[in-house]
Amino acid sequence: MKRIAIIAGEASGDLLAARLILALRELRPELVFEGIAGSEMQAAGCTSLFPMEKFSVMGLVEVLPRLPELLAIRKQLLQRWQANPPDLFIGVDAPDLNLPIAKKLHALGIPTVHYVSPSVWAWRAKRVRKMRGNLDLMLTLFPFEVDFYREHGIPAVFVGHPLADEVSFNADRQSAREQLDLPLTKPLLAILPGSRLGEVRRLAPDFFKAALQLQQQYPELRLATPAATPRLRQELETIRQDIAPELILKVLNGQSRTLMQAADHILLASGTAVLEGMLAGRLMVAAYRVAPLTAWLIRTFKLLKVRFVTLPNNLAGEELVLELLQEQVTPANLVQALERLFNLPDERQQYILQRFQALHAQLRQNASASAAHAILNHFPTKKS
């Protein structure tokens, strides 16, 4: 095996794929990679055939305007790899992009791997039927996913979560605050309304209204938010000025992980950031709001199959993170949820943090190296 096709569809996948590429190259230096790659993958040596940013869109409805362009890119990739087949295809996350490509390539006799299980155990469960017979290996980040896939006839290996390898549990708050030039002794609420423009526009207005109310009730409270890009920083500043011009809010250039470590409490968009908050050992309120039509489709067709939305709660099987979804996301509800955290009894706080720490230990498996070994062990004969 020498040439690997690999695709990531957004920033988190780009980072996962880059580390996997480096881990594979450490074991097999002769490997070469090409596909859809972001800056991290390219720095790891992957040739990018199309800009990854074109695929960074979420939601059932939100993707529709971009669909013709995305389908055209997929067609060009398939034509390229049909004419010159790679030895292996790895799809990293982005299941709506990667799984149809894996199906087509598998039919051509190209071995296929998917890294990061889609949440088929959580919603749109029928997707698992489309994977059977089209994937040679599923690499999962969570242990409970392995049994689910094996029950459906799909080989699966739990490799751990890369974030658990990186994020120290209960990292020093003082050190993080010094890095960010934040007050060392004041209570700090981190506000993370998302890393995508659509998320920020749907959540930041209510987040900022709630933050202003809390700031007025608790004069000592300090607030900070990270902006993943200059464009998002501009959007956050505009929303603050329009919605809550009196709000005293420090806007950072990125550094979301350090901010979470610096914080006493976190208000954030549901997603991978909630897992990162858990791994950091911080108490959180998570909120999410999708386009109204997307929410209607999910509810009407009962697409959501789990009790909770956030990963920490699903991993634990209980509510450790307070969740507010769709019409529940109001300034009043956010304030009420955050005040519950501010006044949480010590016994409950310790229980939550102990559960977080146990989950952190379970997920810490040196994921990139584990994934590389799993791939090479599964395809031992595919050598050049």
Protein backbone atom coordinates (compact mmCIF):
# COMPACT_ATOMS: atom_id res chain seq x y z
CA MET A 1 0.00 0.00 0.00
CA LYS A 2 1.46 3.33 -1.04
CA ARG A 3 -1.17 5.83 -2.25
CA ILE A 4 -4.06 6.78 0.02
CA ALA A 5 -7.05 8.93 -0.91
CA ILE A 6 -8.36 10.87 2.06
CA ILE A 7 -11.14 13.43 2.52
CA ALA A 8 -12.01 15.80 5.37
CA GLY A 9 -14.92 18.21 5.12
CA GLU A 10 -14.31 20.73 7.90
CA ALA A 11 -11.72 22.06 10.34
CA SER A 12 -12.17 19.37 13.01
CA GLY A 13 -11.80 16.63 10.39
CA ASP A 14 -8.78 18.38 8.92
CA LEU A 15 -7.02 18.19 12.29
CA LEU A 16 -7.97 14.53 12.84
CA ALA A 17 -6.86 13.59 9.34
CA ALA A 18 -3.56 15.47 9.65
CA ARG A 19 -2.66 13.58 12.80
CA LEU A 20 -3.66 10.28 11.23
CA ILE A 21 -1.49 11.05 8.20
CA LEU A 22 1.50 11.76 10.46
CA ALA A 23 0.88 8.59 12.48
CA LEU A 24 0.61 6.47 9.32
CA ARG A 25 3.75 8.02 7.88
CA GLU A 26 5.63 7.28 11.07
CA LEU A 27 4.84 3.60 10.53
CA ARG A 28 5.06 3.65 6.73
CA PRO A 29 7.16 6.60 5.49
CA GLU A 30 6.57 5.75 1.83
CA LEU A 31 2.83 6.51 1.98
CA VAL A 32 1.49 9.41 -0.12
CA PHE A 33 -1.86 11.12 0.39
CA GLU A 34 -4.24 13.10 -1.82
CA GLY A 35 -7.84 14.25 -1.53
CA ILE A 36 -9.80 17.12 0.00
CA ALA A 37 -7.53 18.67 2.60
CA GLY A 38 -7.42 21.70 4.83
CA SER A 39 -4.31 23.52 5.95
CA GLU A 40 -3.43 20.98 8.66
CA MET A 41 -3.57 18.03 6.26
CA GLN A 42 -1.55 19.92 3.68
CA ALA A 43 1.08 20.71 6.29
CA ALA A 44 1.21 16.97 7.05
CA GLY A 45 1.96 16.32 3.38
CA CYS A 46 -1.44 15.70 1.79
CA THR A 47 -2.08 17.05 -1.71
CA SER A 48 -5.42 18.90 -1.80
CA LEU A 49 -7.41 18.47 -5.00
CA PHE A 50 -10.26 20.82 -3.97
CA PRO A 51 -10.66 23.47 -1.23
CA MET A 52 -12.03 21.89 1.95
CA GLU A 53 -13.86 25.10 2.88
CA LYS A 54 -16.51 24.43 0.21
CA PHE A 55 -17.83 21.58 2.35
CA SER A 56 -18.03 23.38 5.71
CA VAL A 57 -21.83 23.65 5.84
CA MET A 58 -24.25 22.07 8.34
CA GLY A 59 -27.92 21.12 8.33
CA LEU A 60 -30.44 19.40 6.05
CA VAL A 61 -31.76 22.63 4.57
CA GLU A 62 -28.62 24.77 4.75
CA VAL A 63 -26.66 22.60 2.29
CA LEU A 64 -29.20 22.86 -0.55
CA PRO A 65 -27.87 26.03 -2.26
CA ARG A 66 -24.38 24.48 -2.43
CA LEU A 67 -25.48 21.04 -3.58
CA PRO A 68 -24.82 21.33 -7.35
CA GLU A 69 -21.24 22.47 -6.79
CA LEU A 70 -20.59 19.79 -4.17
CA LEU A 71 -21.97 17.05 -6.42
CA ALA A 72 -19.80 18.26 -9.29
CA ILE A 73 -16.67 18.05 -7.11
CA ARG A 74 -17.65 14.56 -5.98
CA LYS A 75 -18.06 13.47 -9.59
CA GLN A 76 -14.61 14.79 -10.51
CA LEU A 77 -13.01 12.97 -7.57
CA LEU A 78 -14.65 9.69 -8.50
CA GLN A 79 -13.57 10.04 -12.11
CA ARG A 80 -10.00 10.70 -11.03
CA TRP A 81 -9.85 7.74 -8.66
CA GLN A 82 -11.61 5.44 -11.09
CA ALA A 83 -9.00 6.24 -13.74
CA ASN A 84 -6.11 5.93 -11.26
CA PRO A 85 -7.30 3.89 -8.23
CA PRO A 86 -5.70 4.59 -4.85
CA ASP A 87 -4.68 1.67 -2.64
CA LEU A 88 -7.05 2.80 0.12
CA PHE A 89 -9.73 5.42 0.73
CA ILE A 90 -10.15 7.06 4.16
CA GLY A 91 -13.15 9.27 4.81
CA VAL A 92 -12.68 11.43 7.88
CA ASP A 93 -16.00 12.45 9.45
CA ALA A 94 -18.28 14.39 6.99
CA PRO A 95 -20.45 11.28 6.41
CA ASP A 96 -22.81 12.89 3.88
CA LEU A 97 -19.78 13.59 1.73
CA ASN A 98 -17.61 10.57 2.45
CA LEU A 99 -19.98 7.61 2.69
CA PRO A 100 -21.38 7.93 -0.87
CA ILE A 101 -17.81 8.22 -2.16
CA ALA A 102 -16.79 5.16 -0.13
CA LYS A 103 -19.69 3.20 -1.66
CA LYS A 104 -18.63 4.06 -5.21
CA LEU A 105 -14.96 3.33 -4.58
CA HIS A 106 -15.70 0.07 -2.76
CA ALA A 107 -17.66 -1.09 -5.81
CA LEU A 108 -14.47 -0.52 -7.82
CA GLY A 109 -12.55 -2.81 -5.46
CA ILE A 110 -10.84 -0.05 -3.49
CA PRO A 111 -10.63 -0.77 0.28
CA THR A 112 -12.53 1.79 2.35
CA VAL A 113 -12.17 3.14 5.88
CA HIS A 114 -14.31 5.67 7.72
CA TYR A 115 -12.74 7.51 10.66
CA VAL A 116 -15.21 9.00 13.16
CA SER A 117 -18.51 7.21 13.27
CA PRO A 118 -21.52 9.18 12.09
CA SER A 119 -24.04 9.49 14.91
CA VAL A 120 -26.28 6.80 13.41
CA TRP A 121 -26.97 5.58 16.94
CA ALA A 122 -28.39 9.05 17.64
CA TRP A 123 -30.30 10.07 14.53
CA ARG A 124 -31.02 8.99 10.94
CA ALA A 125 -30.33 5.40 12.06
CA LYS A 126 -31.25 3.95 8.66
CA ARG A 127 -27.95 5.28 7.30
CA VAL A 128 -26.19 2.26 8.80
CA ARG A 129 -27.81 0.04 6.16
CA LYS A 130 -26.05 2.03 3.46
CA MET A 131 -22.69 1.39 5.10
CA ARG A 132 -22.97 -2.39 5.27
CA GLY A 133 -21.00 -3.92 2.42
CA ASN A 134 -19.47 -0.56 1.48
CA LEU A 135 -17.00 -0.11 4.34
CA ASP A 136 -14.13 -2.41 5.22
CA LEU A 137 -13.42 -0.71 8.54
CA MET A 138 -15.08 1.82 10.84
CA LEU A 139 -12.84 3.62 13.34
CA THR A 140 -14.87 4.90 16.30
CA LEU A 141 -14.05 7.56 18.87
CA PHE A 142 -16.38 6.14 21.51
CA PRO A 143 -16.41 2.59 22.90
CA PHE A 144 -20.17 1.99 22.77
CA GLU A 145 -20.17 2.50 18.99
CA VAL A 146 -18.21 -0.69 18.28
CA ASP A 147 -21.01 -3.06 19.36
CA PHE A 148 -23.54 -1.07 17.33
CA TYR A 149 -21.55 -1.50 14.13
CA ARG A 150 -20.68 -5.12 14.71
CA GLU A 151 -24.37 -5.88 15.21
CA HIS A 152 -24.92 -4.45 11.74
CA GLY A 153 -22.11 -6.44 10.16
CA ILE A 154 -19.58 -3.62 9.87
CA PRO A 155 -16.03 -4.23 11.20
CA ALA A 156 -15.25 -1.57 13.81
CA VAL A 157 -12.41 -0.64 16.16
CA PHE A 158 -12.52 1.84 19.05
CA VAL A 159 -9.41 4.03 18.82
CA GLY A 160 -10.16 6.66 21.45
CA HIS A 161 -10.76 10.38 21.03
CA PRO A 162 -7.84 12.59 19.95
CA LEU A 163 -9.07 15.45 22.12
CA ALA A 164 -8.69 13.28 25.22
CA ASP A 165 -5.01 12.87 24.33
CA GLU A 166 -4.52 16.62 24.08
CA VAL A 167 -6.70 18.17 26.76
CA SER A 168 -5.48 17.93 30.34
CA PHE A 169 -8.26 17.35 32.82
CA ASN A 170 -8.84 20.32 35.12
CA ALA A 171 -5.93 22.33 33.69
CA ASP A 172 -4.70 25.25 35.78
CA ARG A 173 -7.14 28.18 35.54
CA GLN A 174 -4.62 30.75 36.68
CA SER A 175 -2.11 29.83 33.99
CA ALA A 176 -4.80 29.94 31.28
CA ARG A 177 -5.98 33.35 32.47
CA GLU A 178 -2.45 34.69 32.44
CA GLN A 179 -2.06 33.54 28.83
CA LEU A 180 -5.24 35.38 27.84
CA ASP A 181 -4.66 38.45 30.03
CA LEU A 182 -7.86 37.82 31.98
CA PRO A 183 -8.44 38.72 35.66
CA LEU A 184 -7.02 36.03 37.93
CA THR A 185 -9.55 36.24 40.75
CA LYS A 186 -12.88 37.28 39.18
CA PRO A 187 -15.54 34.68 38.21
CA LEU A 188 -15.28 34.04 34.46
CA LEU A 189 -17.98 32.84 32.07
CA ALA A 190 -16.76 31.68 28.66
CA ILE A 191 -19.26 32.17 25.83
CA LEU A 192 -18.82 30.02 22.71
CA PRO A 193 -21.73 30.49 20.26
CA GLY A 194 -20.10 28.34 17.57
CA SER A 195 -17.35 28.25 14.98
CA ARG A 196 -19.61 28.64 11.94
CA LEU A 197 -21.30 31.82 10.78
CA GLY A 198 -24.78 30.25 10.78
CA GLU A 199 -24.38 28.98 14.35
CA VAL A 200 -23.16 32.35 15.56
CA ARG A 201 -26.06 34.20 13.93
CA ARG A 202 -28.62 31.82 15.44
CA LEU A 203 -27.17 31.69 18.96
CA ALA A 204 -25.05 34.76 19.73
CA PRO A 205 -27.98 37.23 20.04
CA ASP A 206 -29.63 35.19 22.80
CA PHE A 207 -26.28 34.35 24.38
CA PHE A 208 -25.35 38.03 24.54
CA LYS A 209 -28.74 39.11 25.92
CA ALA A 210 -28.41 36.52 28.67
CA ALA A 211 -24.82 37.54 29.31
CA LEU A 212 -25.82 41.19 29.72
CA GLN A 213 -28.50 40.27 32.23
CA LEU A 214 -26.03 38.17 34.20
CA GLN A 215 -23.42 40.92 34.08
CA GLN A 216 -25.95 43.35 35.54
CA GLN A 217 -26.93 40.88 38.28
CA TYR A 218 -23.35 39.84 39.08
CA PRO A 219 -21.07 42.91 38.73
CA GLU A 220 -17.97 40.83 39.48
CA LEU A 221 -18.65 38.47 36.55
CA ARG A 222 -16.23 38.65 33.62
CA LEU A 223 -17.12 37.49 30.10
CA ALA A 224 -15.00 36.38 27.16
CA THR A 225 -15.65 34.77 23.79
CA PRO A 226 -13.33 33.33 21.11
CA ALA A 227 -13.61 34.25 17.42
CA ALA A 228 -12.35 31.41 15.23
CA THR A 229 -11.74 33.74 12.24
CA PRO A 230 -11.57 37.50 11.54
CA ARG A 231 -14.96 37.19 9.80
CA LEU A 232 -16.51 35.67 12.91
CA ARG A 233 -14.90 38.32 15.09
CA GLN A 234 -16.54 41.00 12.97
CA GLU A 235 -19.90 39.20 13.20
CA LEU A 236 -19.65 38.86 16.99
CA GLU A 237 -18.78 42.54 17.39
CA THR A 238 -21.70 43.53 15.14
CA ILE A 239 -24.18 41.36 17.06
CA ARG A 240 -22.94 42.70 20.39
CA GLN A 241 -23.31 46.28 19.19
CA ASP A 242 -26.82 45.64 17.81
CA ILE A 243 -28.15 43.44 20.62
CA ALA A 244 -26.34 44.48 23.79
CA PRO A 245 -24.05 47.49 23.29
CA GLU A 246 -23.55 47.83 27.07
CA LEU A 247 -22.17 44.29 27.31
CA ILE A 248 -18.55 44.21 28.48
CA LEU A 249 -17.12 41.26 26.58
CA LYS A 250 -13.54 40.37 25.71
CA VAL A 251 -13.33 38.94 22.19
CA LEU A 252 -10.29 36.71 21.66
CA ASN A 253 -8.68 35.67 18.42
CA GLY A 254 -9.31 31.93 18.59
CA GLN A 255 -7.85 30.24 21.69
CA SER A 256 -11.17 28.61 22.58
CA ARG A 257 -9.47 25.72 24.40
CA THR A 258 -7.41 28.03 26.59
CA LEU A 259 -10.51 30.10 27.31
CA MET A 260 -12.44 27.02 28.43
CA GLN A 261 -9.56 26.10 30.73
CA ALA A 262 -9.57 29.66 32.10
CA ALA A 263 -13.33 29.68 32.75
CA ASP A 264 -15.33 28.79 35.83
CA HIS A 265 -18.41 28.07 33.72
CA ILE A 266 -19.13 27.80 29.98
CA LEU A 267 -22.12 28.69 27.81
CA LEU A 268 -21.64 27.11 24.40
CA ALA A 269 -23.12 25.74 21.20
CA SER A 270 -23.74 22.01 21.29
CA GLY A 271 -21.07 20.14 19.33
CA THR A 272 -17.49 18.96 19.74
CA ALA A 273 -16.78 21.95 21.99
CA VAL A 274 -19.00 20.41 24.69
CA LEU A 275 -16.82 17.30 24.68
CA GLU A 276 -13.77 19.54 24.97
CA GLY A 277 -15.35 21.34 27.91
CA MET A 278 -15.97 17.98 29.59
CA LEU A 279 -12.38 16.91 28.99
CA ALA A 280 -11.21 20.21 30.51
CA GLY A 281 -13.38 19.57 33.57
CA ARG A 282 -15.65 22.60 33.36
CA LEU A 283 -19.35 22.96 34.18
CA MET A 284 -21.44 23.89 31.14
CA VAL A 285 -24.75 24.93 29.65
CA ALA A 286 -25.09 23.79 26.02
CA ALA A 287 -27.59 25.22 23.56
CA TYR A 288 -28.40 24.68 19.91
CA ARG A 289 -30.80 25.97 17.31
CA VAL A 290 -31.03 24.79 13.69
CA ALA A 291 -33.07 26.24 10.82
CA PRO A 292 -36.82 25.90 11.54
CA LEU A 293 -37.38 23.52 8.62
CA THR A 294 -34.50 21.31 9.76
CA ALA A 295 -36.02 21.17 13.27
CA TRP A 296 -39.43 20.34 11.80
CA LEU A 297 -38.00 17.48 9.74
CA ILE A 298 -36.13 16.05 12.74
CA ARG A 299 -39.24 16.12 14.93
CA THR A 300 -41.80 15.08 12.34
CA PHE A 301 -39.87 12.04 11.18
CA LYS A 302 -38.48 11.24 14.67
CA LEU A 303 -34.93 11.32 13.35
CA LEU A 304 -33.39 11.82 16.81
CA LYS A 305 -33.01 8.48 18.58
CA VAL A 306 -31.23 9.46 21.81
CA ARG A 307 -32.34 11.05 25.04
CA PHE A 308 -29.59 13.67 25.01
CA VAL A 309 -27.93 15.81 22.36
CA THR A 310 -24.51 16.44 23.91
CA LEU A 311 -21.81 13.78 23.90
CA PRO A 312 -20.96 13.94 27.63
CA ASN A 313 -24.58 13.21 28.52
CA ASN A 314 -24.84 10.36 26.01
CA LEU A 315 -21.56 8.86 27.22
CA ALA A 316 -22.65 9.10 30.84
CA GLY A 317 -26.29 8.13 30.28
CA GLU A 318 -27.40 11.05 32.44
CA GLU A 319 -27.62 14.83 32.34
CA LEU A 320 -24.26 16.21 33.38
CA VAL A 321 -24.46 19.14 30.95
CA LEU A 322 -27.59 21.31 30.95
CA GLU A 323 -29.13 21.28 27.44
CA LEU A 324 -31.39 23.89 25.82
CA LEU A 325 -32.61 23.25 22.28
CA GLN A 326 -34.46 25.20 19.59
CA GLU A 327 -37.32 27.27 21.12
CA GLN A 328 -35.88 26.61 24.61
CA VAL A 329 -32.96 28.88 23.68
CA THR A 330 -34.16 32.17 25.16
CA PRO A 331 -32.28 34.72 27.26
CA ALA A 332 -34.48 33.93 30.28
CA ASN A 333 -33.87 30.17 30.03
CA LEU A 334 -30.14 30.67 29.52
CA VAL A 335 -29.90 32.94 32.56
CA GLN A 336 -31.86 30.45 34.67
CA ALA A 337 -29.65 27.53 33.57
CA LEU A 338 -26.43 29.42 34.22
CA GLU A 339 -27.60 30.56 37.65
CA ARG A 340 -28.26 26.89 38.46
CA LEU A 341 -24.59 26.24 37.67
CA PHE A 342 -23.40 29.25 39.66
CA ASN A 343 -25.28 27.94 42.71
CA LEU A 344 -24.70 24.23 42.27
CA PRO A 345 -24.20 22.42 45.60
CA ASP A 346 -20.62 21.27 46.15
CA GLU A 347 -21.68 17.61 46.30
CA ARG A 348 -23.36 17.79 42.88
CA GLN A 349 -20.46 19.72 41.39
CA GLN A 350 -17.96 17.12 42.61
CA TYR A 351 -20.10 14.29 41.25
CA ILE A 352 -20.24 15.86 37.77
CA LEU A 353 -16.50 16.51 37.70
CA GLN A 354 -15.71 12.95 38.84
CA ARG A 355 -17.88 11.58 36.01
CA PHE A 356 -16.13 13.90 33.55
CA GLN A 357 -12.73 12.69 34.73
CA ALA A 358 -13.71 9.02 34.37
CA LEU A 359 -14.94 9.63 30.82
CA HIS A 360 -11.72 11.49 30.02
CA ALA A 361 -9.65 8.46 31.11
CA GLN A 362 -11.82 6.11 29.06
CA LEU A 363 -11.37 8.16 25.87
CA ARG A 364 -7.61 8.72 26.26
CA GLN A 365 -6.17 6.00 24.00
CA ASN A 366 -3.48 7.72 21.88
CA ALA A 367 -6.09 7.88 19.14
CA SER A 368 -4.06 8.83 16.07
CA ALA A 369 -1.52 6.06 16.62
CA SER A 370 -4.30 3.60 17.49
CA ALA A 371 -6.13 4.50 14.28
CA ALA A 372 -2.97 4.11 12.19
CA HIS A 373 -2.24 0.69 13.68
CA ALA A 374 -5.86 -0.40 13.19
CA ILE A 375 -5.72 0.53 9.50
CA LEU A 376 -2.40 -1.17 8.82
CA ASN A 377 -3.41 -4.26 10.80
CA HIS A 378 -6.71 -4.53 8.92
CA PHE A 379 -5.06 -4.35 5.50
CA PRO A 380 -1.82 -6.30 6.10
CA THR A 381 -1.57 -7.61 2.54
CA LYS A 382 -2.00 -4.23 0.87
CA LYS A 383 1.69 -3.47 0.57
CA SER A 384 3.55 -2.24 -2.44
